[in-house]
Amino acid sequence: MWILKGFLLALWLVGFGTLLTLYLAIYRTLPPNTAVSTSVFGLYTVYSGAWWLGVIACVAVSFAVSNVWTGPRSLWLFLAVTDVIPVGLLALFLTLVAKLHAAAKL
Protein backbone atom coordinates (compact mmCIF):
# COMPACT_ATOMS: atom_id res chain seq x y z
CA MET A 1 0.00 0.00 0.00
CA TRP A 2 2.90 2.36 0.67
CA ILE A 3 3.98 2.02 -2.98
CA LEU A 4 0.59 3.28 -4.16
CA LYS A 5 0.74 6.13 -1.67
CA GLY A 6 4.28 6.92 -2.83
CA PHE A 7 3.17 7.14 -6.46
CA LEU A 8 0.22 9.32 -5.47
CA LEU A 9 2.45 11.69 -3.51
CA ALA A 10 5.07 11.72 -6.31
CA LEU A 11 2.42 12.57 -8.90
CA TRP A 12 1.18 15.40 -6.71
CA LEU A 13 4.66 16.80 -6.10
CA VAL A 14 5.70 16.59 -9.75
CA GLY A 15 2.42 18.04 -11.02
CA PHE A 16 2.29 21.05 -8.77
CA GLY A 17 6.06 21.52 -8.95
CA THR A 18 5.86 21.66 -12.73
CA LEU A 19 2.96 24.12 -12.61
CA LEU A 20 4.90 26.32 -10.19
CA THR A 21 8.05 26.13 -12.32
CA LEU A 22 6.18 27.08 -15.48
CA TYR A 23 4.44 29.94 -13.72
CA LEU A 24 7.65 31.35 -12.27
CA ALA A 25 9.68 30.87 -15.45
CA ILE A 26 7.17 31.86 -18.12
CA TYR A 27 3.86 33.36 -17.06
CA ARG A 28 4.97 35.69 -14.30
CA THR A 29 7.02 37.84 -16.66
CA LEU A 30 4.71 37.83 -19.69
CA PRO A 31 2.61 40.86 -20.56
CA PRO A 32 -1.15 40.28 -20.86
CA ASN A 33 -2.59 38.70 -24.03
CA THR A 34 0.68 37.03 -25.00
CA ALA A 35 0.88 33.58 -26.58
CA VAL A 36 3.46 30.97 -25.62
CA SER A 37 4.67 28.35 -28.08
CA THR A 38 4.30 24.70 -27.14
CA SER A 39 8.03 24.19 -27.62
CA VAL A 40 8.66 26.46 -24.64
CA PHE A 41 6.84 24.00 -22.37
CA GLY A 42 9.05 21.22 -23.64
CA LEU A 43 12.19 23.25 -23.00
CA TYR A 44 11.20 23.80 -19.38
CA THR A 45 10.05 20.21 -18.79
CA VAL A 46 11.08 17.10 -20.72
CA TYR A 47 14.15 18.67 -22.38
CA SER A 48 15.45 20.11 -19.11
CA GLY A 49 17.85 18.12 -16.98
CA ALA A 50 16.84 20.07 -13.89
CA TRP A 51 13.22 19.03 -14.36
CA TRP A 52 14.21 15.36 -14.59
CA LEU A 53 16.34 15.68 -11.46
CA GLY A 54 13.32 17.22 -9.76
CA VAL A 55 11.12 14.31 -10.87
CA ILE A 56 13.64 11.80 -9.49
CA ALA A 57 13.91 13.75 -6.23
CA CYS A 58 10.10 13.93 -5.89
CA VAL A 59 9.76 10.17 -6.43
CA ALA A 60 12.54 9.39 -3.94
CA VAL A 61 11.17 11.73 -1.28
CA SER A 62 7.59 10.55 -1.74
CA PHE A 63 8.53 6.87 -1.43
CA ALA A 64 10.62 7.61 1.65
CA VAL A 65 7.82 9.59 3.28
CA SER A 66 5.09 7.09 2.44
CA ASN A 67 7.19 4.18 3.67
CA VAL A 68 7.99 5.79 7.03
CA TRP A 69 4.79 7.76 7.73
CA THR A 70 1.34 6.37 7.00
CA GLY A 71 -0.49 9.68 7.42
CA PRO A 72 -4.19 10.17 7.98
CA ARG A 73 -6.62 8.82 5.42
CA SER A 74 -7.89 12.35 4.74
CA LEU A 75 -4.43 13.38 3.50
CA TRP A 76 -4.39 10.66 0.85
CA LEU A 77 -7.94 11.52 -0.16
CA PHE A 78 -6.93 15.18 -0.47
CA LEU A 79 -3.95 14.21 -2.65
CA ALA A 80 -6.12 12.04 -4.87
CA VAL A 81 -8.66 14.82 -5.38
CA THR A 82 -6.07 17.54 -6.01
CA ASP A 83 -4.16 15.32 -8.46
CA VAL A 84 -7.11 15.76 -10.80
CA ILE A 85 -6.12 19.42 -11.45
CA PRO A 86 -2.62 18.95 -12.92
CA VAL A 87 -3.59 15.74 -14.71
CA GLY A 88 -6.60 17.51 -16.19
CA LEU A 89 -4.44 20.43 -17.30
CA LEU A 90 -1.94 18.03 -18.86
CA ALA A 91 -4.74 16.24 -20.71
CA LEU A 92 -6.11 19.57 -21.94
CA PHE A 93 -2.66 20.66 -23.09
CA LEU A 94 -2.01 17.38 -24.94
CA THR A 95 -5.41 17.59 -26.61
CA LEU A 96 -4.72 21.14 -27.77
CA VAL A 97 -1.30 20.16 -29.11
CA ALA A 98 -2.83 17.23 -31.02
CA LYS A 99 -5.51 19.51 -32.52
CA LEU A 100 -2.85 22.08 -33.45
CA HIS A 101 -0.72 19.38 -35.05
CA ALA A 102 -3.70 18.08 -37.03
CA ALA A 103 -4.63 21.61 -38.15
CA ALA A 104 -1.06 22.28 -39.27
CA LYS A 105 -1.18 19.28 -41.60
CA LEU A 106 -4.20 20.66 -43.50
PDB file of N, CA and C in Angstrom:
ATOM      1  N   MET A   1       0.822  -1.201   0.000  1.00  0.00           N
ATOM      2  CA  MET A   1       0.000   0.000   0.000  1.00  0.00           C
ATOM      3  C   MET A   1       0.863   1.261   0.000  1.00  0.00           C
ATOM      4  N   TRP A   2       2.047   1.177   0.621  1.00  0.00           N
ATOM      5  CA  TRP A   2       2.895   2.361   0.672  1.00  0.00           C
ATOM      6  C   TRP A   2       3.436   2.719  -0.713  1.00  0.00           C
ATOM      7  N   ILE A   3       3.521   1.732  -1.624  1.00  0.00           N
ATOM      8  CA  ILE A   3       3.978   2.024  -2.979  1.00  0.00           C
ATOM      9  C   ILE A   3       2.930   2.859  -3.716  1.00  0.00           C
ATOM     10  N   LEU A   4       1.668   2.504  -3.557  1.00  0.00           N
ATOM     11  CA  LEU A   4       0.588   3.282  -4.164  1.00  0.00           C
ATOM     12  C   LEU A   4       0.552   4.698  -3.596  1.00  0.00           C
ATOM     13  N   LYS A   5       0.715   4.805  -2.292  1.00  0.00           N
ATOM     14  CA  LYS A   5       0.743   6.134  -1.667  1.00  0.00           C
ATOM     15  C   LYS A   5       1.963   6.927  -2.138  1.00  0.00           C
ATOM     16  N   GLY A   6       3.090   6.241  -2.333  1.00  0.00           N
ATOM     17  CA  GLY A   6       4.284   6.916  -2.827  1.00  0.00           C
ATOM     18  C   GLY A   6       4.088   7.458  -4.236  1.00  0.00           C
ATOM     19  N   PHE A   7       3.464   6.660  -5.119  1.00  0.00           N
ATOM     20  CA  PHE A   7       3.166   7.142  -6.464  1.00  0.00           C
ATOM     21  C   PHE A   7       2.187   8.311  -6.438  1.00  0.00           C
ATOM     22  N   LEU A   8       1.205   8.244  -5.577  1.00  0.00           N
ATOM     23  CA  LEU A   8       0.221   9.323  -5.470  1.00  0.00           C
ATOM     24  C   LEU A   8       0.890  10.613  -5.008  1.00  0.00           C
ATOM     25  N   LEU A   9       1.736  10.513  -4.007  1.00  0.00           N
ATOM     26  CA  LEU A   9       2.449  11.694  -3.513  1.00  0.00           C
ATOM     27  C   LEU A   9       3.430  12.206  -4.559  1.00  0.00           C
ATOM     28  N   ALA A  10       4.119  11.299  -5.268  1.00  0.00           N
ATOM     29  CA  ALA A  10       5.067  11.715  -6.306  1.00  0.00           C
ATOM     30  C   ALA A  10       4.343  12.437  -7.439  1.00  0.00           C
ATOM     31  N   LEU A  11       3.201  11.920  -7.846  1.00  0.00           N
ATOM     32  CA  LEU A  11       2.419  12.571  -8.898  1.00  0.00           C
ATOM     33  C   LEU A  11       1.990  13.964  -8.471  1.00  0.00           C
ATOM     34  N   TRP A  12       1.600  14.095  -7.223  1.00  0.00           N
ATOM     35  CA  TRP A  12       1.181  15.397  -6.706  1.00  0.00           C
ATOM     36  C   TRP A  12       2.350  16.371  -6.686  1.00  0.00           C
ATOM     37  N   LEU A  13       3.491  15.923  -6.181  1.00  0.00           N
ATOM     38  CA  LEU A  13       4.661  16.800  -6.100  1.00  0.00           C
ATOM     39  C   LEU A  13       5.158  17.213  -7.481  1.00  0.00           C
ATOM     40  N   VAL A  14       5.228  16.273  -8.401  1.00  0.00           N
ATOM     41  CA  VAL A  14       5.699  16.590  -9.748  1.00  0.00           C
ATOM     42  C   VAL A  14       4.711  17.497 -10.469  1.00  0.00           C
ATOM     43  N   GLY A  15       3.428  17.224 -10.342  1.00  0.00           N
ATOM     44  CA  GLY A  15       2.417  18.039 -11.017  1.00  0.00           C
ATOM     45  C   GLY A  15       2.411  19.482 -10.560  1.00  0.00           C
ATOM     46  N   PHE A  16       2.328  19.673  -9.272  1.00  0.00           N
ATOM     47  CA  PHE A  16       2.291  21.046  -8.772  1.00  0.00           C
ATOM     48  C   PHE A  16       3.653  21.719  -8.852  1.00  0.00           C
ATOM     49  N   GLY A  17       4.724  20.952  -8.752  1.00  0.00           N
ATOM     50  CA  GLY A  17       6.056  21.524  -8.949  1.00  0.00           C
ATOM     51  C   GLY A  17       6.263  22.010 -10.369  1.00  0.00           C
ATOM     52  N   THR A  18       5.763  21.256 -11.328  1.00  0.00           N
ATOM     53  CA  THR A  18       5.860  21.664 -12.727  1.00  0.00           C
ATOM     54  C   THR A  18       5.009  22.899 -12.993  1.00  0.00           C
ATOM     55  N   LEU A  19       3.801  22.923 -12.446  1.00  0.00           N
ATOM     56  CA  LEU A  19       2.961  24.115 -12.613  1.00  0.00           C
ATOM     57  C   LEU A  19       3.626  25.345 -12.003  1.00  0.00           C
ATOM     58  N   LEU A  20       4.223  25.202 -10.839  1.00  0.00           N
ATOM     59  CA  LEU A  20       4.903  26.322 -10.192  1.00  0.00           C
ATOM     60  C   LEU A  20       6.121  26.762 -11.004  1.00  0.00           C
ATOM     61  N   THR A  21       6.879  25.805 -11.510  1.00  0.00           N
ATOM     62  CA  THR A  21       8.050  26.134 -12.323  1.00  0.00           C
ATOM     63  C   THR A  21       7.651  26.886 -13.584  1.00  0.00           C
ATOM     64  N   LEU A  22       6.627  26.397 -14.268  1.00  0.00           N
ATOM     65  CA  LEU A  22       6.175  27.076 -15.484  1.00  0.00           C
ATOM     66  C   LEU A  22       5.647  28.469 -15.182  1.00  0.00           C
ATOM     67  N   TYR A  23       4.947  28.616 -14.070  1.00  0.00           N
ATOM     68  CA  TYR A  23       4.441  29.941 -13.720  1.00  0.00           C
ATOM     69  C   TYR A  23       5.594  30.900 -13.440  1.00  0.00           C
ATOM     70  N   LEU A  24       6.548  30.462 -12.633  1.00  0.00           N
ATOM     71  CA  LEU A  24       7.649  31.352 -12.269  1.00  0.00           C
ATOM     72  C   LEU A  24       8.566  31.646 -13.450  1.00  0.00           C
ATOM     73  N   ALA A  25       8.749  30.688 -14.341  1.00  0.00           N
ATOM     74  CA  ALA A  25       9.680  30.874 -15.450  1.00  0.00           C
ATOM     75  C   ALA A  25       9.048  31.589 -16.642  1.00  0.00           C
ATOM     76  N   ILE A  26       7.771  31.347 -16.888  1.00  0.00           N
ATOM     77  CA  ILE A  26       7.165  31.862 -18.119  1.00  0.00           C
ATOM     78  C   ILE A  26       6.104  32.919 -17.835  1.00  0.00           C
ATOM     79  N   TYR A  27       5.063  32.538 -17.127  1.00  0.00           N
ATOM     80  CA  TYR A  27       3.863  33.365 -17.057  1.00  0.00           C
ATOM     81  C   TYR A  27       3.994  34.597 -16.181  1.00  0.00           C
ATOM     82  N   ARG A  28       4.850  34.552 -15.210  1.00  0.00           N
ATOM     83  CA  ARG A  28       4.974  35.691 -14.298  1.00  0.00           C
ATOM     84  C   ARG A  28       5.515  36.922 -15.010  1.00  0.00           C
ATOM     85  N   THR A  29       6.374  36.718 -15.998  1.00  0.00           N
ATOM     86  CA  THR A  29       7.024  37.840 -16.659  1.00  0.00           C
ATOM     87  C   THR A  29       6.363  38.254 -17.973  1.00  0.00           C
ATOM     88  N   LEU A  30       5.350  37.516 -18.410  1.00  0.00           N
ATOM     89  CA  LEU A  30       4.708  37.834 -19.689  1.00  0.00           C
ATOM     90  C   LEU A  30       3.719  38.986 -19.548  1.00  0.00           C
ATOM     91  N   PRO A  31       3.665  39.849 -20.558  1.00  0.00           N
ATOM     92  CA  PRO A  31       2.609  40.862 -20.562  1.00  0.00           C
ATOM     93  C   PRO A  31       1.265  40.205 -20.879  1.00  0.00           C
ATOM     94  N   PRO A  32       0.168  40.862 -20.584  1.00  0.00           N
ATOM     95  CA  PRO A  32      -1.152  40.284 -20.857  1.00  0.00           C
ATOM     96  C   PRO A  32      -1.362  40.035 -22.353  1.00  0.00           C
ATOM     97  N   ASN A  33      -2.214  39.065 -22.658  1.00  0.00           N
ATOM     98  CA  ASN A  33      -2.588  38.703 -24.030  1.00  0.00           C
ATOM     99  C   ASN A  33      -1.381  38.304 -24.878  1.00  0.00           C
ATOM    100  N   THR A  34      -0.499  37.506 -24.293  1.00  0.00           N
ATOM    101  CA  THR A  34       0.681  37.027 -24.998  1.00  0.00           C
ATOM    102  C   THR A  34       0.585  35.515 -25.150  1.00  0.00           C
ATOM    103  N   ALA A  35       0.908  35.020 -26.319  1.00  0.00           N
ATOM    104  CA  ALA A  35       0.880  33.584 -26.576  1.00  0.00           C
ATOM    105  C   ALA A  35       2.251  32.971 -26.278  1.00  0.00           C
ATOM    106  N   VAL A  36       2.230  31.700 -25.888  1.00  0.00           N
ATOM    107  CA  VAL A  36       3.461  30.966 -25.616  1.00  0.00           C
ATOM    108  C   VAL A  36       3.465  29.738 -26.520  1.00  0.00           C
ATOM    109  N   SER A  37       4.558  29.503 -27.197  1.00  0.00           N
ATOM    110  CA  SER A  37       4.670  28.353 -28.078  1.00  0.00           C
ATOM    111  C   SER A  37       4.744  27.065 -27.262  1.00  0.00           C
ATOM    112  N   THR A  38       4.264  25.981 -27.846  1.00  0.00           N
ATOM    113  CA  THR A  38       4.300  24.703 -27.145  1.00  0.00           C
ATOM    114  C   THR A  38       5.725  24.198 -26.953  1.00  0.00           C
ATOM    115  N   SER A  39       6.646  24.625 -27.789  1.00  0.00           N
ATOM    116  CA  SER A  39       8.034  24.188 -27.621  1.00  0.00           C
ATOM    117  C   SER A  39       8.653  24.758 -26.352  1.00  0.00           C
ATOM    118  N   VAL A  40       8.142  25.877 -25.881  1.00  0.00           N
ATOM    119  CA  VAL A  40       8.656  26.464 -24.639  1.00  0.00           C
ATOM    120  C   VAL A  40       8.349  25.547 -23.451  1.00  0.00           C
ATOM    121  N   PHE A  41       7.174  24.928 -23.454  1.00  0.00           N
ATOM    122  CA  PHE A  41       6.836  24.004 -22.372  1.00  0.00           C
ATOM    123  C   PHE A  41       7.785  22.813 -22.358  1.00  0.00           C
ATOM    124  N   GLY A  42       8.113  22.330 -23.549  1.00  0.00           N
ATOM    125  CA  GLY A  42       9.052  21.219 -23.642  1.00  0.00           C
ATOM    126  C   GLY A  42      10.433  21.588 -23.148  1.00  0.00           C
ATOM    127  N   LEU A  43      10.867  22.808 -23.454  1.00  0.00           N
ATOM    128  CA  LEU A  43      12.188  23.251 -23.004  1.00  0.00           C
ATOM    129  C   LEU A  43      12.276  23.341 -21.488  1.00  0.00           C
ATOM    130  N   TYR A  44      11.194  23.696 -20.844  1.00  0.00           N
ATOM    131  CA  TYR A  44      11.199  23.802 -19.384  1.00  0.00           C
ATOM    132  C   TYR A  44      10.874  22.481 -18.683  1.00  0.00           C
ATOM    133  N   THR A  45      10.413  21.477 -19.433  1.00  0.00           N
ATOM    134  CA  THR A  45      10.047  20.208 -18.790  1.00  0.00           C
ATOM    135  C   THR A  45      10.900  19.066 -19.324  1.00  0.00           C
ATOM    136  N   VAL A  46      10.441  18.356 -20.319  1.00  0.00           N
ATOM    137  CA  VAL A  46      11.084  17.101 -20.724  1.00  0.00           C
ATOM    138  C   VAL A  46      12.470  17.279 -21.325  1.00  0.00           C
ATOM    139  N   TYR A  47      12.812  18.443 -21.832  1.00  0.00           N
ATOM    140  CA  TYR A  47      14.155  18.669 -22.376  1.00  0.00           C
ATOM    141  C   TYR A  47      15.097  19.300 -21.349  1.00  0.00           C
ATOM    142  N   SER A  48      14.640  19.488 -20.143  1.00  0.00           N
ATOM    143  CA  SER A  48      15.451  20.112 -19.109  1.00  0.00           C
ATOM    144  C   SER A  48      15.970  19.058 -18.128  1.00  0.00           C
ATOM    145  N   GLY A  49      17.259  19.047 -17.931  1.00  0.00           N
ATOM    146  CA  GLY A  49      17.853  18.118 -16.977  1.00  0.00           C
ATOM    147  C   GLY A  49      17.435  18.420 -15.549  1.00  0.00           C
ATOM    148  N   ALA A  50      17.262  19.695 -15.246  1.00  0.00           N
ATOM    149  CA  ALA A  50      16.839  20.074 -13.890  1.00  0.00           C
ATOM    150  C   ALA A  50      15.440  19.548 -13.582  1.00  0.00           C
ATOM    151  N   TRP A  51      14.567  19.552 -14.580  1.00  0.00           N
ATOM    152  CA  TRP A  51      13.219  19.030 -14.360  1.00  0.00           C
ATOM    153  C   TRP A  51      13.269  17.536 -14.075  1.00  0.00           C
ATOM    154  N   TRP A  52      14.088  16.798 -14.820  1.00  0.00           N
ATOM    155  CA  TRP A  52      14.205  15.356 -14.586  1.00  0.00           C
ATOM    156  C   TRP A  52      14.821  15.054 -13.226  1.00  0.00           C
ATOM    157  N   LEU A  53      15.796  15.858 -12.809  1.00  0.00           N
ATOM    158  CA  LEU A  53      16.341  15.680 -11.460  1.00  0.00           C
ATOM    159  C   LEU A  53      15.275  15.952 -10.404  1.00  0.00           C
ATOM    160  N   GLY A  54      14.424  16.939 -10.667  1.00  0.00           N
ATOM    161  CA  GLY A  54      13.316  17.219  -9.764  1.00  0.00           C
ATOM    162  C   GLY A  54      12.313  16.079  -9.697  1.00  0.00           C
ATOM    163  N   VAL A  55      12.034  15.458 -10.837  1.00  0.00           N
ATOM    164  CA  VAL A  55      11.122  14.310 -10.866  1.00  0.00           C
ATOM    165  C   VAL A  55      11.709  13.158 -10.048  1.00  0.00           C
ATOM    166  N   ILE A  56      12.986  12.880 -10.243  1.00  0.00           N
ATOM    167  CA  ILE A  56      13.644  11.801  -9.489  1.00  0.00           C
ATOM    168  C   ILE A  56      13.642  12.105  -7.998  1.00  0.00           C
ATOM    169  N   ALA A  57      13.913  13.368  -7.644  1.00  0.00           N
ATOM    170  CA  ALA A  57      13.905  13.748  -6.226  1.00  0.00           C
ATOM    171  C   ALA A  57      12.505  13.627  -5.634  1.00  0.00           C
ATOM    172  N   CYS A  58      11.484  14.034  -6.381  1.00  0.00           N
ATOM    173  CA  CYS A  58      10.105  13.927  -5.892  1.00  0.00           C
ATOM    174  C   CYS A  58       9.706  12.473  -5.665  1.00  0.00           C
ATOM    175  N   VAL A  59      10.087  11.595  -6.584  1.00  0.00           N
ATOM    176  CA  VAL A  59       9.762  10.173  -6.429  1.00  0.00           C
ATOM    177  C   VAL A  59      10.482   9.591  -5.223  1.00  0.00           C
ATOM    178  N   ALA A  60      11.768   9.920  -5.074  1.00  0.00           N
ATOM    179  CA  ALA A  60      12.538   9.390  -3.943  1.00  0.00           C
ATOM    180  C   ALA A  60      11.989   9.883  -2.612  1.00  0.00           C
ATOM    181  N   VAL A  61      11.700  11.160  -2.529  1.00  0.00           N
ATOM    182  CA  VAL A  61      11.170  11.727  -1.277  1.00  0.00           C
ATOM    183  C   VAL A  61       9.789  11.163  -0.976  1.00  0.00           C
ATOM    184  N   SER A  62       8.957  11.032  -1.988  1.00  0.00           N
ATOM    185  CA  SER A  62       7.594  10.550  -1.738  1.00  0.00           C
ATOM    186  C   SER A  62       7.586   9.089  -1.300  1.00  0.00           C
ATOM    187  N   PHE A  63       8.455   8.258  -1.885  1.00  0.00           N
ATOM    188  CA  PHE A  63       8.530   6.868  -1.427  1.00  0.00           C
ATOM    189  C   PHE A  63       9.081   6.777  -0.014  1.00  0.00           C
ATOM    190  N   ALA A  64      10.064   7.617   0.305  1.00  0.00           N
ATOM    191  CA  ALA A  64      10.617   7.605   1.652  1.00  0.00           C
ATOM    192  C   ALA A  64       9.571   8.048   2.676  1.00  0.00           C
ATOM    193  N   VAL A  65       8.834   9.092   2.350  1.00  0.00           N
ATOM    194  CA  VAL A  65       7.816   9.593   3.280  1.00  0.00           C
ATOM    195  C   VAL A  65       6.680   8.590   3.444  1.00  0.00           C
ATOM    196  N   SER A  66       6.212   8.024   2.339  1.00  0.00           N
ATOM    197  CA  SER A  66       5.086   7.093   2.440  1.00  0.00           C
ATOM    198  C   SER A  66       5.476   5.770   3.086  1.00  0.00           C
ATOM    199  N   ASN A  67       6.741   5.402   3.024  1.00  0.00           N
ATOM    200  CA  ASN A  67       7.195   4.177   3.672  1.00  0.00           C
ATOM    201  C   ASN A  67       7.330   4.362   5.181  1.00  0.00           C
ATOM    202  N   VAL A  68       7.750   5.540   5.612  1.00  0.00           N
ATOM    203  CA  VAL A  68       7.987   5.789   7.033  1.00  0.00           C
ATOM    204  C   VAL A  68       6.722   6.264   7.741  1.00  0.00           C
ATOM    205  N   TRP A  69       5.934   7.123   7.079  1.00  0.00           N
ATOM    206  CA  TRP A  69       4.791   7.758   7.735  1.00  0.00           C
ATOM    207  C   TRP A  69       3.522   7.378   6.980  1.00  0.00           C
ATOM    208  N   THR A  70       2.571   6.787   7.666  1.00  0.00           N
ATOM    209  CA  THR A  70       1.339   6.374   6.999  1.00  0.00           C
ATOM    210  C   THR A  70       0.413   7.552   6.725  1.00  0.00           C
ATOM    211  N   GLY A  71       0.358   8.507   7.624  1.00  0.00           N
ATOM    212  CA  GLY A  71      -0.486   9.679   7.415  1.00  0.00           C
ATOM    213  C   GLY A  71      -1.956   9.368   7.584  1.00  0.00           C
ATOM    214  N   PRO A  72      -2.742  10.387   7.851  1.00  0.00           N
ATOM    215  CA  PRO A  72      -4.185  10.170   7.983  1.00  0.00           C
ATOM    216  C   PRO A  72      -4.824   9.887   6.624  1.00  0.00           C
ATOM    217  N   ARG A  73      -5.922   9.183   6.648  1.00  0.00           N
ATOM    218  CA  ARG A  73      -6.623   8.821   5.424  1.00  0.00           C
ATOM    219  C   ARG A  73      -7.099  10.063   4.667  1.00  0.00           C
ATOM    220  N   SER A  74      -7.420  11.127   5.399  1.00  0.00           N
ATOM    221  CA  SER A  74      -7.892  12.347   4.742  1.00  0.00           C
ATOM    222  C   SER A  74      -6.787  12.994   3.891  1.00  0.00           C
ATOM    223  N   LEU A  75      -5.531  12.840   4.296  1.00  0.00           N
ATOM    224  CA  LEU A  75      -4.427  13.375   3.503  1.00  0.00           C
ATOM    225  C   LEU A  75      -4.359  12.704   2.137  1.00  0.00           C
ATOM    226  N   TRP A  76      -4.474  11.384   2.107  1.00  0.00           N
ATOM    227  CA  TRP A  76      -4.390  10.658   0.851  1.00  0.00           C
ATOM    228  C   TRP A  76      -5.613  10.930  -0.025  1.00  0.00           C
ATOM    229  N   LEU A  77      -6.757  11.140   0.596  1.00  0.00           N
ATOM    230  CA  LEU A  77      -7.944  11.522  -0.159  1.00  0.00           C
ATOM    231  C   LEU A  77      -7.773  12.915  -0.764  1.00  0.00           C
ATOM    232  N   PHE A  78      -7.208  13.830   0.018  1.00  0.00           N
ATOM    233  CA  PHE A  78      -6.925  15.182  -0.469  1.00  0.00           C
ATOM    234  C   PHE A  78      -5.959  15.135  -1.649  1.00  0.00           C
ATOM    235  N   LEU A  79      -4.911  14.331  -1.552  1.00  0.00           N
ATOM    236  CA  LEU A  79      -3.951  14.213  -2.646  1.00  0.00           C
ATOM    237  C   LEU A  79      -4.601  13.637  -3.896  1.00  0.00           C
ATOM    238  N   ALA A  80      -5.448  12.644  -3.724  1.00  0.00           N
ATOM    239  CA  ALA A  80      -6.121  12.035  -4.873  1.00  0.00           C
ATOM    240  C   ALA A  80      -7.036  13.041  -5.568  1.00  0.00           C
ATOM    241  N   VAL A  81      -7.745  13.842  -4.791  1.00  0.00           N
ATOM    242  CA  VAL A  81      -8.662  14.822  -5.379  1.00  0.00           C
ATOM    243  C   VAL A  81      -7.889  15.946  -6.058  1.00  0.00           C
ATOM    244  N   THR A  82      -6.821  16.430  -5.415  1.00  0.00           N
ATOM    245  CA  THR A  82      -6.066  17.541  -6.011  1.00  0.00           C
ATOM    246  C   THR A  82      -5.166  17.095  -7.150  1.00  0.00           C
ATOM    247  N   ASP A  83      -4.908  15.799  -7.293  1.00  0.00           N
ATOM    248  CA  ASP A  83      -4.164  15.320  -8.462  1.00  0.00           C
ATOM    249  C   ASP A  83      -4.970  15.461  -9.738  1.00  0.00           C
ATOM    250  N   VAL A  84      -6.255  15.613  -9.623  1.00  0.00           N
ATOM    251  CA  VAL A  84      -7.106  15.763 -10.804  1.00  0.00           C
ATOM    252  C   VAL A  84      -6.772  17.070 -11.539  1.00  0.00           C
ATOM    253  N   ILE A  85      -6.383  18.112 -10.826  1.00  0.00           N
ATOM    254  CA  ILE A  85      -6.118  19.417 -11.447  1.00  0.00           C
ATOM    255  C   ILE A  85      -4.926  19.362 -12.400  1.00  0.00           C
ATOM    256  N   PRO A  86      -3.721  18.967 -11.949  1.00  0.00           N
ATOM    257  CA  PRO A  86      -2.618  18.952 -12.921  1.00  0.00           C
ATOM    258  C   PRO A  86      -2.775  17.895 -14.004  1.00  0.00           C
ATOM    259  N   VAL A  87      -3.370  16.769 -13.689  1.00  0.00           N
ATOM    260  CA  VAL A  87      -3.585  15.742 -14.706  1.00  0.00           C
ATOM    261  C   VAL A  87      -4.606  16.232 -15.729  1.00  0.00           C
ATOM    262  N   GLY A  88      -5.626  16.934 -15.276  1.00  0.00           N
ATOM    263  CA  GLY A  88      -6.599  17.513 -16.194  1.00  0.00           C
ATOM    264  C   GLY A  88      -5.982  18.586 -17.073  1.00  0.00           C
ATOM    265  N   LEU A  89      -5.114  19.420 -16.500  1.00  0.00           N
ATOM    266  CA  LEU A  89      -4.435  20.434 -17.301  1.00  0.00           C
ATOM    267  C   LEU A  89      -3.489  19.800 -18.316  1.00  0.00           C
ATOM    268  N   LEU A  90      -2.814  18.728 -17.926  1.00  0.00           N
ATOM    269  CA  LEU A  90      -1.945  18.026 -18.856  1.00  0.00           C
ATOM    270  C   LEU A  90      -2.755  17.411 -19.995  1.00  0.00           C
ATOM    271  N   ALA A  91      -3.885  16.814 -19.673  1.00  0.00           N
ATOM    272  CA  ALA A  91      -4.738  16.236 -20.713  1.00  0.00           C
ATOM    273  C   ALA A  91      -5.263  17.323 -21.654  1.00  0.00           C
ATOM    274  N   LEU A  92      -5.651  18.462 -21.113  1.00  0.00           N
ATOM    275  CA  LEU A  92      -6.107  19.574 -21.938  1.00  0.00           C
ATOM    276  C   LEU A  92      -4.991  20.067 -22.844  1.00  0.00           C
ATOM    277  N   PHE A  93      -3.792  20.201 -22.307  1.00  0.00           N
ATOM    278  CA  PHE A  93      -2.655  20.659 -23.085  1.00  0.00           C
ATOM    279  C   PHE A  93      -2.327  19.673 -24.211  1.00  0.00           C
ATOM    280  N   LEU A  94      -2.308  18.379 -23.907  1.00  0.00           N
ATOM    281  CA  LEU A  94      -2.007  17.382 -24.938  1.00  0.00           C
ATOM    282  C   LEU A  94      -3.084  17.340 -26.014  1.00  0.00           C
ATOM    283  N   THR A  95      -4.333  17.531 -25.628  1.00  0.00           N
ATOM    284  CA  THR A  95      -5.413  17.585 -26.614  1.00  0.00           C
ATOM    285  C   THR A  95      -5.256  18.795 -27.526  1.00  0.00           C
ATOM    286  N   LEU A  96      -4.915  19.941 -26.948  1.00  0.00           N
ATOM    287  CA  LEU A  96      -4.723  21.137 -27.766  1.00  0.00           C
ATOM    288  C   LEU A  96      -3.529  20.995 -28.702  1.00  0.00           C
ATOM    289  N   VAL A  97      -2.463  20.378 -28.246  1.00  0.00           N
ATOM    290  CA  VAL A  97      -1.298  20.158 -29.106  1.00  0.00           C
ATOM    291  C   VAL A  97      -1.656  19.213 -30.243  1.00  0.00           C
ATOM    292  N   ALA A  98      -2.415  18.171 -29.963  1.00  0.00           N
ATOM    293  CA  ALA A  98      -2.828  17.233 -31.016  1.00  0.00           C
ATOM    294  C   ALA A  98      -3.717  17.927 -32.047  1.00  0.00           C
ATOM    295  N   LYS A  99      -4.628  18.767 -31.592  1.00  0.00           N
ATOM    296  CA  LYS A  99      -5.508  19.506 -32.516  1.00  0.00           C
ATOM    297  C   LYS A  99      -4.686  20.484 -33.358  1.00  0.00           C
ATOM    298  N   LEU A 100      -3.714  21.147 -32.728  1.00  0.00           N
ATOM    299  CA  LEU A 100      -2.850  22.076 -33.453  1.00  0.00           C
ATOM    300  C   LEU A 100      -2.005  21.337 -34.494  1.00  0.00           C
ATOM    301  N   HIS A 101      -1.513  20.194 -34.122  1.00  0.00           N
ATOM    302  CA  HIS A 101      -0.719  19.380 -35.047  1.00  0.00           C
ATOM    303  C   HIS A 101      -1.564  18.930 -36.229  1.00  0.00           C
ATOM    304  N   ALA A 102      -2.796  18.511 -35.964  1.00  0.00           N
ATOM    305  CA  ALA A 102      -3.696  18.084 -37.033  1.00  0.00           C
ATOM    306  C   ALA A 102      -4.086  19.263 -37.932  1.00  0.00           C
ATOM    307  N   ALA A 103      -4.271  20.436 -37.350  1.00  0.00           N
ATOM    308  CA  ALA A 103      -4.628  21.608 -38.155  1.00  0.00           C
ATOM    309  C   ALA A 103      -3.451  22.073 -38.996  1.00  0.00           C
ATOM    310  N   ALA A 104      -2.230  21.870 -38.509  1.00  0.00           N
ATOM    311  CA  ALA A 104      -1.062  22.285 -39.271  1.00  0.00           C
ATOM    312  C   ALA A 104      -0.841  21.413 -40.497  1.00  0.00           C
ATOM    313  N   LYS A 105      -1.339  20.181 -40.456  1.00  0.00           N
ATOM    314  CA  LYS A 105      -1.183  19.277 -41.603  1.00  0.00           C
ATOM    315  C   LYS A 105      -2.142  19.605 -42.742  1.00  0.00           C
ATOM    316  N   LEU A 106      -3.206  20.343 -42.451  1.00  0.00           N
ATOM    317  CA  LEU A 106      -4.204  20.660 -43.498  1.00  0.00           C
ATOM    318  C   LEU A 106      -3.687  21.609 -44.514  1.00  0.00           C
TER     319      LEU A 106
END
